[in-house]
PDB file of N, CA and C in Angstrom:
ATOM      1  N   MET A   1     -11.377  -3.816  -8.071  1.00  0.00           N
ATOM      2  CA  MET A   1     -10.234  -4.656  -7.752  1.00  0.00           C
ATOM      3  C   MET A   1      -9.964  -5.615  -8.206  1.00  0.00           C
ATOM      4  N   LEU A   2     -10.878  -6.554  -8.169  1.00  0.00           N
ATOM      5  CA  LEU A   2     -10.561  -7.449  -9.172  1.00  0.00           C
ATOM      6  C   LEU A   2     -10.500  -7.701 -10.073  1.00  0.00           C
ATOM      7  N   GLU A   3     -11.262  -6.456 -11.361  1.00  0.00           N
ATOM      8  CA  GLU A   3     -10.864  -6.799 -12.236  1.00  0.00           C
ATOM      9  C   GLU A   3      -9.249  -6.145 -13.366  1.00  0.00           C
ATOM     10  N   GLN A   4      -8.934  -4.873 -12.476  1.00  0.00           N
ATOM     11  CA  GLN A   4      -7.666  -4.537 -12.219  1.00  0.00           C
ATOM     12  C   GLN A   4      -6.509  -5.528 -11.533  1.00  0.00           C
ATOM     13  N   GLY A   5      -7.106  -6.495 -11.012  1.00  0.00           N
ATOM     14  CA  GLY A   5      -5.510  -7.511 -10.297  1.00  0.00           C
ATOM     15  C   GLY A   5      -5.097  -6.750  -9.531  1.00  0.00           C
ATOM     16  N   PHE A   6      -5.653  -5.674  -8.695  1.00  0.00           N
ATOM     17  CA  PHE A   6      -5.094  -4.968  -7.807  1.00  0.00           C
ATOM     18  C   PHE A   6      -5.409  -6.273  -6.273  1.00  0.00           C
ATOM     19  N   ILE A   7      -6.525  -7.189  -6.268  1.00  0.00           N
ATOM     20  CA  ILE A   7      -6.838  -8.453  -5.585  1.00  0.00           C
ATOM     21  C   ILE A   7      -7.345 -10.118  -6.238  1.00  0.00           C
ATOM     22  N   SER A   8      -7.076 -10.852  -5.768  1.00  0.00           N
ATOM     23  CA  SER A   8      -7.763 -11.969  -5.725  1.00  0.00           C
ATOM     24  C   SER A   8      -8.502 -12.290  -4.818  1.00  0.00           C
ATOM     25  N   VAL A   9      -8.869 -13.963  -5.946  1.00  0.00           N
ATOM     26  CA  VAL A   9     -10.218 -14.273  -4.210  1.00  0.00           C
ATOM     27  C   VAL A   9      -8.849 -16.059  -3.482  1.00  0.00           C
ATOM     28  N   SER A  10      -9.030 -15.478  -2.550  1.00  0.00           N
ATOM     29  CA  SER A  10      -8.439 -16.086  -1.257  1.00  0.00           C
ATOM     30  C   SER A  10      -9.056 -17.647  -0.814  1.00  0.00           C
ATOM     31  N   ASP A  11      -8.179 -18.266  -0.812  1.00  0.00           N
ATOM     32  CA  ASP A  11      -8.712 -19.502  -0.227  1.00  0.00           C
ATOM     33  C   ASP A  11      -8.115 -19.604   1.502  1.00  0.00           C
ATOM     34  N   SER A  12      -7.111 -18.581   1.970  1.00  0.00           N
ATOM     35  CA  SER A  12      -7.062 -18.697   3.376  1.00  0.00           C
ATOM     36  C   SER A  12      -7.911 -18.918   4.675  1.00  0.00           C
ATOM     37  N   CYS A  13      -7.565 -19.613   5.363  1.00  0.00           N
ATOM     38  CA  CYS A  13      -8.593 -19.278   6.491  1.00  0.00           C
ATOM     39  C   CYS A  13      -8.089 -17.708   7.476  1.00  0.00           C
ATOM     40  N   TYR A  14      -7.832 -16.741   6.693  1.00  0.00           N
ATOM     41  CA  TYR A  14      -6.864 -15.736   7.878  1.00  0.00           C
ATOM     42  C   TYR A  14      -8.257 -14.481   7.151  1.00  0.00           C
ATOM     43  N   GLY A  15      -8.952 -13.793   7.559  1.00  0.00           N
ATOM     44  CA  GLY A  15      -9.364 -12.809   6.725  1.00  0.00           C
ATOM     45  C   GLY A  15      -9.839 -11.748   7.473  1.00  0.00           C
ATOM     46  N   MET A  16      -8.965 -10.207   7.458  1.00  0.00           N
ATOM     47  CA  MET A  16     -10.244  -9.020   8.617  1.00  0.00           C
ATOM     48  C   MET A  16     -11.468  -8.716   8.005  1.00  0.00           C
ATOM     49  N   PRO A  17     -11.485  -8.200   9.317  1.00  0.00           N
ATOM     50  CA  PRO A  17     -13.348  -7.363   8.469  1.00  0.00           C
ATOM     51  C   PRO A  17     -12.665  -6.102   7.896  1.00  0.00           C
ATOM     52  N   THR A  18     -13.745  -6.315   6.804  1.00  0.00           N
ATOM     53  CA  THR A  18     -13.800  -5.355   6.467  1.00  0.00           C
ATOM     54  C   THR A  18     -15.499  -4.060   6.415  1.00  0.00           C
ATOM     55  N   PHE A  19     -15.399  -3.072   5.881  1.00  0.00           N
ATOM     56  CA  PHE A  19     -16.489  -2.290   5.580  1.00  0.00           C
ATOM     57  C   PHE A  19     -16.470  -0.702   5.193  1.00  0.00           C
ATOM     58  N   MET A  20     -17.638  -0.715   4.729  1.00  0.00           N
ATOM     59  CA  MET A  20     -17.406   0.836   3.905  1.00  0.00           C
ATOM     60  C   MET A  20     -17.813   1.720   4.648  1.00  0.00           C
ATOM     61  N   VAL A  21     -16.636   3.046   4.510  1.00  0.00           N
ATOM     62  CA  VAL A  21     -16.530   4.504   4.951  1.00  0.00           C
ATOM     63  C   VAL A  21     -17.579   5.294   4.190  1.00  0.00           C
ATOM     64  N   ALA A  22     -18.747   6.349   4.361  1.00  0.00           N
ATOM     65  CA  ALA A  22     -18.947   7.534   3.252  1.00  0.00           C
ATOM     66  C   ALA A  22     -18.127   8.865   3.703  1.00  0.00           C
ATOM     67  N   LYS A  23     -17.123   8.973   1.847  1.00  0.00           N
ATOM     68  CA  LYS A  23     -16.645   9.859   1.996  1.00  0.00           C
ATOM     69  C   LYS A  23     -17.278  11.657   2.307  1.00  0.00           C
ATOM     70  N   LYS A  24     -16.433  12.824   2.107  1.00  0.00           N
ATOM     71  CA  LYS A  24     -17.082  14.182   1.935  1.00  0.00           C
ATOM     72  C   LYS A  24     -18.057  14.226   0.726  1.00  0.00           C
ATOM     73  N   ASP A  25     -17.839  13.327  -0.215  1.00  0.00           N
ATOM     74  CA  ASP A  25     -18.207  13.365  -1.693  1.00  0.00           C
ATOM     75  C   ASP A  25     -19.342  12.604  -1.718  1.00  0.00           C
ATOM     76  N   GLY A  26     -19.722  11.997  -0.509  1.00  0.00           N
ATOM     77  CA  GLY A  26     -21.058  10.925  -0.958  1.00  0.00           C
ATOM     78  C   GLY A  26     -20.363   9.896  -1.348  1.00  0.00           C
ATOM     79  N   ILE A  27     -19.127   9.176  -1.969  1.00  0.00           N
ATOM     80  CA  ILE A  27     -18.875   7.749  -2.626  1.00  0.00           C
ATOM     81  C   ILE A  27     -18.424   7.405  -1.173  1.00  0.00           C
ATOM     82  N   HIS A  28     -18.495   5.891  -1.306  1.00  0.00           N
ATOM     83  CA  HIS A  28     -18.137   4.984  -0.424  1.00  0.00           C
ATOM     84  C   HIS A  28     -16.879   4.869  -0.716  1.00  0.00           C
ATOM     85  N   GLN A  29     -15.978   4.146   0.276  1.00  0.00           N
ATOM     86  CA  GLN A  29     -14.773   4.272   0.389  1.00  0.00           C
ATOM     87  C   GLN A  29     -14.586   2.365   1.246  1.00  0.00           C
ATOM     88  N   ILE A  30     -13.934   1.736   0.575  1.00  0.00           N
ATOM     89  CA  ILE A  30     -13.885   0.115   0.975  1.00  0.00           C
ATOM     90  C   ILE A  30     -13.125   0.633   2.235  1.00  0.00           C
ATOM     91  N   VAL A  31     -12.998  -0.445   3.030  1.00  0.00           N
ATOM     92  CA  VAL A  31     -11.187   0.260   4.243  1.00  0.00           C
ATOM     93  C   VAL A  31     -11.301  -1.688   4.828  1.00  0.00           C
ATOM     94  N   GLN A  32     -10.689  -2.045   4.865  1.00  0.00           N
ATOM     95  CA  GLN A  32      -9.856  -3.121   5.578  1.00  0.00           C
ATOM     96  C   GLN A  32      -9.582  -2.916   7.022  1.00  0.00           C
ATOM     97  N   ASP A  33      -9.427  -3.486   8.179  1.00  0.00           N
ATOM     98  CA  ASP A  33      -9.153  -3.582   9.660  1.00  0.00           C
ATOM     99  C   ASP A  33      -7.793  -3.714   9.997  1.00  0.00           C
ATOM    100  N   PHE A  34      -6.547  -3.618   9.205  1.00  0.00           N
ATOM    101  CA  PHE A  34      -5.424  -4.934   9.439  1.00  0.00           C
ATOM    102  C   PHE A  34      -4.618  -4.719  10.657  1.00  0.00           C
ATOM    103  N   ARG A  35      -5.623  -3.410  11.918  1.00  0.00           N
ATOM    104  CA  ARG A  35      -4.777  -3.458  13.282  1.00  0.00           C
ATOM    105  C   ARG A  35      -4.378  -4.737  14.037  1.00  0.00           C
ATOM    106  N   GLU A  36      -5.013  -5.589  13.580  1.00  0.00           N
ATOM    107  CA  GLU A  36      -4.881  -7.405  14.062  1.00  0.00           C
ATOM    108  C   GLU A  36      -3.188  -7.736  13.569  1.00  0.00           C
ATOM    109  N   LEU A  37      -3.031  -7.574  12.349  1.00  0.00           N
ATOM    110  CA  LEU A  37      -1.888  -7.785  11.657  1.00  0.00           C
ATOM    111  C   LEU A  37      -1.288  -6.874  11.687  1.00  0.00           C
ATOM    112  N   ASN A  38      -1.406  -5.496  11.825  1.00  0.00           N
ATOM    113  CA  ASN A  38      -0.536  -5.015  12.309  1.00  0.00           C
ATOM    114  C   ASN A  38       0.393  -5.055  13.459  1.00  0.00           C
ATOM    115  N   LYS A  39      -0.258  -5.573  14.641  1.00  0.00           N
ATOM    116  CA  LYS A  39       0.135  -5.889  15.880  1.00  0.00           C
ATOM    117  C   LYS A  39       1.514  -6.585  15.659  1.00  0.00           C
ATOM    118  N   TYR A  40       1.205  -7.507  15.131  1.00  0.00           N
ATOM    119  CA  TYR A  40       2.549  -8.841  15.374  1.00  0.00           C
ATOM    120  C   TYR A  40       3.429  -8.501  14.088  1.00  0.00           C
ATOM    121  N   THR A  41       3.308  -6.833  13.027  1.00  0.00           N
ATOM    122  CA  THR A  41       4.099  -6.649  12.385  1.00  0.00           C
ATOM    123  C   THR A  41       5.422  -5.752  13.171  1.00  0.00           C
ATOM    124  N   VAL A  42       6.686  -6.945  12.313  1.00  0.00           N
ATOM    125  CA  VAL A  42       8.049  -6.131  12.817  1.00  0.00           C
ATOM    126  C   VAL A  42       8.042  -4.922  12.127  1.00  0.00           C
ATOM    127  N   LYS A  43       8.115  -3.834  12.945  1.00  0.00           N
ATOM    128  CA  LYS A  43       8.738  -3.280  12.545  1.00  0.00           C
ATOM    129  C   LYS A  43       9.371  -2.192  11.718  1.00  0.00           C
ATOM    130  N   ASP A  44       9.030  -1.393  10.433  1.00  0.00           N
ATOM    131  CA  ASP A  44      10.418  -0.860   9.442  1.00  0.00           C
ATOM    132  C   ASP A  44      10.154   0.454   9.138  1.00  0.00           C
ATOM    133  N   VAL A  45      10.757   1.513   9.691  1.00  0.00           N
ATOM    134  CA  VAL A  45      10.927   1.974   9.500  1.00  0.00           C
ATOM    135  C   VAL A  45      10.905   3.277   8.512  1.00  0.00           C
ATOM    136  N   ILE A  46      11.236   4.028   7.330  1.00  0.00           N
ATOM    137  CA  ILE A  46      11.770   5.106   7.219  1.00  0.00           C
ATOM    138  C   ILE A  46      11.699   6.582   6.931  1.00  0.00           C
ATOM    139  N   PRO A  47      12.971   7.153   7.427  1.00  0.00           N
ATOM    140  CA  PRO A  47      12.731   8.770   7.985  1.00  0.00           C
ATOM    141  C   PRO A  47      11.873   9.460   6.654  1.00  0.00           C
ATOM    142  N   LEU A  48      11.457   9.951   6.562  1.00  0.00           N
ATOM    143  CA  LEU A  48      11.255  11.038   6.112  1.00  0.00           C
ATOM    144  C   LEU A  48      12.733  11.573   5.373  1.00  0.00           C
ATOM    145  N   PRO A  49      12.603  11.708   3.749  1.00  0.00           N
ATOM    146  CA  PRO A  49      13.828  12.416   3.406  1.00  0.00           C
ATOM    147  C   PRO A  49      13.864  14.062   3.869  1.00  0.00           C
ATOM    148  N   ASP A  50      14.784  14.581   3.931  1.00  0.00           N
ATOM    149  CA  ASP A  50      15.294  15.889   4.570  1.00  0.00           C
ATOM    150  C   ASP A  50      15.355  16.844   2.922  1.00  0.00           C
ATOM    151  N   ILE A  51      14.072  17.817   3.410  1.00  0.00           N
ATOM    152  CA  ILE A  51      14.117  18.531   2.068  1.00  0.00           C
ATOM    153  C   ILE A  51      14.961  19.464   1.294  1.00  0.00           C
ATOM    154  N   LYS A  52      15.784  19.586   2.454  1.00  0.00           N
ATOM    155  CA  LYS A  52      16.968  20.756   2.246  1.00  0.00           C
ATOM    156  C   LYS A  52      17.781  20.148   1.694  1.00  0.00           C
ATOM    157  N   GLN A  53      18.229  18.735   2.175  1.00  0.00           N
ATOM    158  CA  GLN A  53      19.137  17.857   1.713  1.00  0.00           C
ATOM    159  C   GLN A  53      18.551  17.459   0.400  1.00  0.00           C
ATOM    160  N   ALA A  54      17.405  16.734   0.037  1.00  0.00           N
ATOM    161  CA  ALA A  54      17.242  16.905  -1.802  1.00  0.00           C
ATOM    162  C   ALA A  54      17.232  17.583  -2.754  1.00  0.00           C
ATOM    163  N   ILE A  55      16.927  19.381  -2.018  1.00  0.00           N
ATOM    164  CA  ILE A  55      17.264  20.470  -2.897  1.00  0.00           C
ATOM    165  C   ILE A  55      18.701  20.422  -3.172  1.00  0.00           C
ATOM    166  N   LYS A  56      19.315  20.536  -2.186  1.00  0.00           N
ATOM    167  CA  LYS A  56      20.997  20.947  -2.510  1.00  0.00           C
ATOM    168  C   LYS A  56      21.487  19.454  -2.840  1.00  0.00           C
ATOM    169  N   GLY A  57      21.094  17.986  -2.945  1.00  0.00           N
ATOM    170  CA  GLY A  57      21.384  17.101  -4.139  1.00  0.00           C
ATOM    171  C   GLY A  57      21.399  17.195  -5.188  1.00  0.00           C
ATOM    172  N   LEU A  58      20.612  18.356  -5.902  1.00  0.00           N
ATOM    173  CA  LEU A  58      20.068  18.732  -7.268  1.00  0.00           C
ATOM    174  C   LEU A  58      21.019  19.134  -7.541  1.00  0.00           C
ATOM    175  N   GLY A  59      21.976  20.326  -6.932  1.00  0.00           N
ATOM    176  CA  GLY A  59      23.089  21.152  -7.562  1.00  0.00           C
ATOM    177  C   GLY A  59      22.512  22.161  -8.694  1.00  0.00           C
ATOM    178  N   ASP A  60      22.747  21.067 -10.322  1.00  0.00           N
ATOM    179  CA  ASP A  60      23.153  22.164 -11.232  1.00  0.00           C
ATOM    180  C   ASP A  60      22.113  21.673 -12.488  1.00  0.00           C
ATOM    181  N   LYS A  61      21.911  20.391 -11.548  1.00  0.00           N
ATOM    182  CA  LYS A  61      20.973  19.334 -12.585  1.00  0.00           C
ATOM    183  C   LYS A  61      19.604  20.226 -13.159  1.00  0.00           C
ATOM    184  N   ILE A  62      19.833  20.315 -14.766  1.00  0.00           N
ATOM    185  CA  ILE A  62      18.246  20.754 -15.514  1.00  0.00           C
ATOM    186  C   ILE A  62      17.427  20.436 -15.505  1.00  0.00           C
ATOM    187  N   LEU A  63      17.402  18.282 -16.155  1.00  0.00           N
ATOM    188  CA  LEU A  63      16.405  17.678 -16.317  1.00  0.00           C
ATOM    189  C   LEU A  63      15.760  16.794 -15.254  1.00  0.00           C
ATOM    190  N   PHE A  64      14.839  17.189 -15.094  1.00  0.00           N
ATOM    191  CA  PHE A  64      13.931  16.350 -13.729  1.00  0.00           C
ATOM    192  C   PHE A  64      13.076  15.739 -14.476  1.00  0.00           C
ATOM    193  N   LEU A  65      12.914  14.264 -13.615  1.00  0.00           N
ATOM    194  CA  LEU A  65      11.116  13.424 -13.257  1.00  0.00           C
ATOM    195  C   LEU A  65      10.526  13.930 -12.385  1.00  0.00           C
ATOM    196  N   LYS A  66       9.066  13.638 -13.423  1.00  0.00           N
ATOM    197  CA  LYS A  66       8.137  14.188 -12.504  1.00  0.00           C
ATOM    198  C   LYS A  66       6.675  12.724 -12.429  1.00  0.00           C
ATOM    199  N   PHE A  67       6.593  12.229 -10.787  1.00  0.00           N
ATOM    200  CA  PHE A  67       6.143  10.500 -10.812  1.00  0.00           C
ATOM    201  C   PHE A  67       4.807  10.995 -10.726  1.00  0.00           C
ATOM    202  N   ASP A  68       3.741  10.658 -11.277  1.00  0.00           N
ATOM    203  CA  ASP A  68       2.411  10.631 -10.895  1.00  0.00           C
ATOM    204  C   ASP A  68       2.748   9.498  -8.986  1.00  0.00           C
ATOM    205  N   VAL A  69       2.292   9.495  -8.326  1.00  0.00           N
ATOM    206  CA  VAL A  69       2.965   9.129  -7.148  1.00  0.00           C
ATOM    207  C   VAL A  69       0.904   8.766  -6.570  1.00  0.00           C
ATOM    208  N   CYS A  70      -0.572   9.315  -7.106  1.00  0.00           N
ATOM    209  CA  CYS A  70      -1.402   9.104  -6.825  1.00  0.00           C
ATOM    210  C   CYS A  70      -1.939   7.786  -6.301  1.00  0.00           C
ATOM    211  N   LYS A  71      -1.579   6.568  -7.330  1.00  0.00           N
ATOM    212  CA  LYS A  71      -1.718   5.230  -7.480  1.00  0.00           C
ATOM    213  C   LYS A  71      -1.045   4.891  -7.313  1.00  0.00           C
ATOM    214  N   GLY A  72       0.166   5.072  -6.021  1.00  0.00           N
ATOM    215  CA  GLY A  72       1.665   4.449  -6.166  1.00  0.00           C
ATOM    216  C   GLY A  72       1.653   3.351  -5.030  1.00  0.00           C
ATOM    217  N   TYR A  73       0.979   3.027  -3.900  1.00  0.00           N
ATOM    218  CA  TYR A  73       0.799   1.631  -3.519  1.00  0.00           C
ATOM    219  C   TYR A  73       0.340   0.487  -3.964  1.00  0.00           C
ATOM    220  N   ASN A  74      -0.934   1.009  -5.261  1.00  0.00           N
ATOM    221  CA  ASN A  74      -1.339   0.244  -6.384  1.00  0.00           C
ATOM    222  C   ASN A  74      -0.333  -0.514  -7.700  1.00  0.00           C
ATOM    223  N   ASN A  75       0.833  -0.167  -6.698  1.00  0.00           N
ATOM    224  CA  ASN A  75       2.325  -0.039  -8.518  1.00  0.00           C
ATOM    225  C   ASN A  75       3.685  -1.241  -7.342  1.00  0.00           C
ATOM    226  N   ILE A  76       2.869  -1.743  -6.510  1.00  0.00           N
ATOM    227  CA  ILE A  76       4.079  -2.140  -5.281  1.00  0.00           C
ATOM    228  C   ILE A  76       3.160  -2.878  -5.238  1.00  0.00           C
ATOM    229  N   GLN A  77       4.210  -4.002  -5.898  1.00  0.00           N
ATOM    230  CA  GLN A  77       3.546  -6.212  -5.604  1.00  0.00           C
ATOM    231  C   GLN A  77       3.925  -6.708  -4.208  1.00  0.00           C
ATOM    232  N   ILE A  78       3.215  -7.090  -3.857  1.00  0.00           N
ATOM    233  CA  ILE A  78       3.478  -7.971  -2.920  1.00  0.00           C
ATOM    234  C   ILE A  78       3.589  -9.485  -3.412  1.00  0.00           C
ATOM    235  N   VAL A  79       4.704  -9.657  -2.628  1.00  0.00           N
ATOM    236  CA  VAL A  79       5.316 -11.091  -2.983  1.00  0.00           C
ATOM    237  C   VAL A  79       4.889 -12.640  -2.843  1.00  0.00           C
ATOM    238  N   PRO A  80       4.140 -12.812  -3.477  1.00  0.00           N
ATOM    239  CA  PRO A  80       2.701 -13.793  -3.316  1.00  0.00           C
ATOM    240  C   PRO A  80       3.325 -14.686  -2.722  1.00  0.00           C
ATOM    241  N   GLU A  81       4.278 -15.343  -1.876  1.00  0.00           N
ATOM    242  CA  GLU A  81       4.269 -15.948  -0.420  1.00  0.00           C
ATOM    243  C   GLU A  81       3.911 -15.174   0.981  1.00  0.00           C
ATOM    244  N   ASP A  82       4.118 -14.474   1.491  1.00  0.00           N
ATOM    245  CA  ASP A  82       2.763 -12.742   1.732  1.00  0.00           C
ATOM    246  C   ASP A  82       1.505 -13.163   1.548  1.00  0.00           C
ATOM    247  N   ARG A  83       1.245 -12.426   0.381  1.00  0.00           N
ATOM    248  CA  ARG A  83      -0.444 -12.008   0.099  1.00  0.00           C
ATOM    249  C   ARG A  83      -1.113 -12.492   0.889  1.00  0.00           C
ATOM    250  N   TRP A  84      -1.362 -13.821   1.766  1.00  0.00           N
ATOM    251  CA  TRP A  84      -2.080 -14.301   2.235  1.00  0.00           C
ATOM    252  C   TRP A  84      -2.637 -13.428   3.550  1.00  0.00           C
ATOM    253  N   LYS A  85      -1.268 -13.200   4.480  1.00  0.00           N
ATOM    254  CA  LYS A  85      -1.537 -12.329   4.847  1.00  0.00           C
ATOM    255  C   LYS A  85      -2.547 -11.040   5.103  1.00  0.00           C
ATOM    256  N   THR A  86      -2.418 -10.208   3.566  1.00  0.00           N
ATOM    257  CA  THR A  86      -3.882  -9.334   3.731  1.00  0.00           C
ATOM    258  C   THR A  86      -4.923  -9.475   3.358  1.00  0.00           C
ATOM    259  N   GLY A  87      -5.900 -10.860   3.744  1.00  0.00           N
ATOM    260  CA  GLY A  87      -6.757 -11.465   3.865  1.00  0.00           C
ATOM    261  C   GLY A  87      -7.976 -10.469   4.332  1.00  0.00           C
ATOM    262  N   PHE A  88      -9.101 -10.225   3.691  1.00  0.00           N
ATOM    263  CA  PHE A  88     -10.181  -9.337   4.312  1.00  0.00           C
ATOM    264  C   PHE A  88     -11.501 -10.074   3.592  1.00  0.00           C
ATOM    265  N   LYS A  89     -12.609 -10.480   4.276  1.00  0.00           N
ATOM    266  CA  LYS A  89     -13.800 -10.584   4.173  1.00  0.00           C
ATOM    267  C   LYS A  89     -14.769  -9.295   3.896  1.00  0.00           C
ATOM    268  N   THR A  90     -15.568  -9.553   2.370  1.00  0.00           N
ATOM    269  CA  THR A  90     -16.654  -9.440   2.580  1.00  0.00           C
ATOM    270  C   THR A  90     -18.019 -10.003   2.357  1.00  0.00           C
ATOM    271  N   HIS A  91     -18.948  -9.742   1.852  1.00  0.00           N
ATOM    272  CA  HIS A  91     -19.994 -10.710   1.904  1.00  0.00           C
ATOM    273  C   HIS A  91     -19.851 -10.907   0.179  1.00  0.00           C
ATOM    274  N   ARG A  92     -19.139 -10.819  -0.296  1.00  0.00           N
ATOM    275  CA  ARG A  92     -19.137 -11.750  -1.704  1.00  0.00           C
ATOM    276  C   ARG A  92     -17.763 -13.038  -1.756  1.00  0.00           C
ATOM    277  N   GLY A  93     -17.191 -13.058  -0.886  1.00  0.00           N
ATOM    278  CA  GLY A  93     -16.184 -14.445   0.015  1.00  0.00           C
ATOM    279  C   GLY A  93     -15.339 -13.140   0.329  1.00  0.00           C
ATOM    280  N   LEU A  94     -13.990 -14.325   0.412  1.00  0.00           N
ATOM    281  CA  LEU A  94     -12.799 -13.980   0.875  1.00  0.00           C
ATOM    282  C   LEU A  94     -11.648 -13.790  -0.342  1.00  0.00           C
ATOM    283  N   PHE A  95     -11.219 -12.391  -0.008  1.00  0.00           N
ATOM    284  CA  PHE A  95      -9.677 -12.055  -0.848  1.00  0.00           C
ATOM    285  C   PHE A  95      -8.667 -11.933  -0.471  1.00  0.00           C
ATOM    286  N   LYS A  96      -7.676 -11.489  -1.410  1.00  0.00           N
ATOM    287  CA  LYS A  96      -6.535 -11.228  -0.565  1.00  0.00           C
ATOM    288  C   LYS A  96      -5.587 -10.289  -1.579  1.00  0.00           C
ATOM    289  N   PHE A  97      -4.696  -8.891  -1.324  1.00  0.00           N
ATOM    290  CA  PHE A  97      -4.548  -8.199  -2.220  1.00  0.00           C
ATOM    291  C   PHE A  97      -3.357  -8.512  -2.787  1.00  0.00           C
ATOM    292  N   ASN A  98      -3.020  -8.539  -4.465  1.00  0.00           N
ATOM    293  CA  ASN A  98      -1.797  -8.667  -4.969  1.00  0.00           C
ATOM    294  C   ASN A  98      -0.834  -7.512  -5.029  1.00  0.00           C
ATOM    295  N   VAL A  99      -1.401  -6.492  -4.332  1.00  0.00           N
ATOM    296  CA  VAL A  99      -0.671  -4.799  -4.379  1.00  0.00           C
ATOM    297  C   VAL A  99      -0.787  -4.284  -2.749  1.00  0.00           C
ATOM    298  N   MET A 100       0.923  -3.825  -2.022  1.00  0.00           N
ATOM    299  CA  MET A 100       0.140  -2.856  -1.510  1.00  0.00           C
ATOM    300  C   MET A 100      -0.786  -2.524  -1.164  1.00  0.00           C
ATOM    301  N   PRO A 101      -1.636  -2.618  -0.458  1.00  0.00           N
ATOM    302  CA  PRO A 101      -2.792  -1.446   0.919  1.00  0.00           C
ATOM    303  C   PRO A 101      -2.499  -0.761   1.505  1.00  0.00           C
ATOM    304  N   PHE A 102      -3.689   0.706   1.654  1.00  0.00           N
ATOM    305  CA  PHE A 102      -2.789   1.767   2.014  1.00  0.00           C
ATOM    306  C   PHE A 102      -3.360   0.707   4.252  1.00  0.00           C
ATOM    307  N   GLY A 103      -3.497   1.454   5.132  1.00  0.00           N
ATOM    308  CA  GLY A 103      -3.479   0.887   5.962  1.00  0.00           C
ATOM    309  C   GLY A 103      -2.652  -0.741   6.964  1.00  0.00           C
ATOM    310  N   LEU A 104      -1.457  -1.188   6.084  1.00  0.00           N
ATOM    311  CA  LEU A 104      -0.418  -1.805   6.282  1.00  0.00           C
ATOM    312  C   LEU A 104       0.686  -1.299   7.590  1.00  0.00           C
ATOM    313  N   TYR A 105       0.922  -1.701   8.105  1.00  0.00           N
ATOM    314  CA  TYR A 105       2.298  -0.073   8.756  1.00  0.00           C
ATOM    315  C   TYR A 105       3.351  -0.324   8.733  1.00  0.00           C
ATOM    316  N   ASN A 106       4.038  -1.624   7.341  1.00  0.00           N
ATOM    317  CA  ASN A 106       4.755  -0.365   6.818  1.00  0.00           C
ATOM    318  C   ASN A 106       5.099  -0.526   5.832  1.00  0.00           C
ATOM    319  N   ALA A 107       3.687  -0.087   5.295  1.00  0.00           N
ATOM    320  CA  ALA A 107       2.925   0.542   3.818  1.00  0.00           C
ATOM    321  C   ALA A 107       3.725   1.457   3.583  1.00  0.00           C
ATOM    322  N   PRO A 108       4.044   2.829   4.373  1.00  0.00           N
ATOM    323  CA  PRO A 108       4.501   4.077   4.023  1.00  0.00           C
ATOM    324  C   PRO A 108       6.228   3.843   3.930  1.00  0.00           C
ATOM    325  N   GLY A 109       6.631   3.149   4.451  1.00  0.00           N
ATOM    326  CA  GLY A 109       8.194   2.587   4.270  1.00  0.00           C
ATOM    327  C   GLY A 109       8.889   2.130   2.993  1.00  0.00           C
ATOM    328  N   THR A 110       7.755   1.123   2.603  1.00  0.00           N
ATOM    329  CA  THR A 110       8.177   0.570   1.421  1.00  0.00           C
ATOM    330  C   THR A 110       8.257   0.770   0.672  1.00  0.00           C
ATOM    331  N   PHE A 111       6.710   1.564   0.215  1.00  0.00           N
ATOM    332  CA  PHE A 111       6.778   2.959  -0.959  1.00  0.00           C
ATOM    333  C   PHE A 111       7.673   4.276  -0.943  1.00  0.00           C
ATOM    334  N   ALA A 112       8.057   4.635   0.673  1.00  0.00           N
ATOM    335  CA  ALA A 112       9.293   5.729   0.052  1.00  0.00           C
ATOM    336  C   ALA A 112      10.766   4.917  -0.136  1.00  0.00           C
ATOM    337  N   ARG A 113      10.321   3.996   0.007  1.00  0.00           N
ATOM    338  CA  ARG A 113      12.002   3.171  -0.206  1.00  0.00           C
ATOM    339  C   ARG A 113      11.889   3.100  -1.671  1.00  0.00           C
ATOM    340  N   GLY A 114      10.886   2.178  -2.131  1.00  0.00           N
ATOM    341  CA  GLY A 114      11.143   2.366  -3.320  1.00  0.00           C
ATOM    342  C   GLY A 114      11.097   3.294  -4.638  1.00  0.00           C
ATOM    343  N   LEU A 115      10.743   5.042  -4.083  1.00  0.00           N
ATOM    344  CA  LEU A 115      11.001   5.386  -4.645  1.00  0.00           C
ATOM    345  C   LEU A 115      12.292   5.900  -5.141  1.00  0.00           C
ATOM    346  N   GLY A 116      13.403   5.519  -4.006  1.00  0.00           N
ATOM    347  CA  GLY A 116      15.252   5.500  -3.723  1.00  0.00           C
ATOM    348  C   GLY A 116      15.496   5.145  -5.009  1.00  0.00           C
ATOM    349  N   GLU A 117      14.573   3.812  -5.455  1.00  0.00           N
ATOM    350  CA  GLU A 117      15.434   2.311  -6.171  1.00  0.00           C
ATOM    351  C   GLU A 117      15.780   3.266  -7.283  1.00  0.00           C
ATOM    352  N   ASP A 118      16.773   2.751  -8.168  1.00  0.00           N
ATOM    353  CA  ASP A 118      16.933   3.186  -9.795  1.00  0.00           C
ATOM    354  C   ASP A 118      15.822   2.521 -10.475  1.00  0.00           C
ATOM    355  N   VAL A 119      15.291   3.522 -11.445  1.00  0.00           N
ATOM    356  CA  VAL A 119      14.219   2.740 -12.409  1.00  0.00           C
ATOM    357  C   VAL A 119      14.710   2.735 -13.790  1.00  0.00           C
TER     358      VAL A 119
END
């Protein structure tokens, strides 16, 4: 993640615990425990779109775009002044996220809101 630019070295005095979780396929996934940060996060929820309204809104359109959102969170930059909040500790040091990680309370709403913006 460091080589891809998703994270960077942090000098913050703040860091969430990090651990590994084994997935069904045997690969280990790194997980940050953002529960403490989420306790103090101002909740910013966005409702899921109504599928019937979305389909109705298409009307007689014949051209559609398809977005691959598999790595979508990694496309949402965190503003530099808020990156320290995503600090996490590993055996290799303290790091912070440059892009939206999974586990933050407002990540789904931020991601869904980004999908509705003009590109």
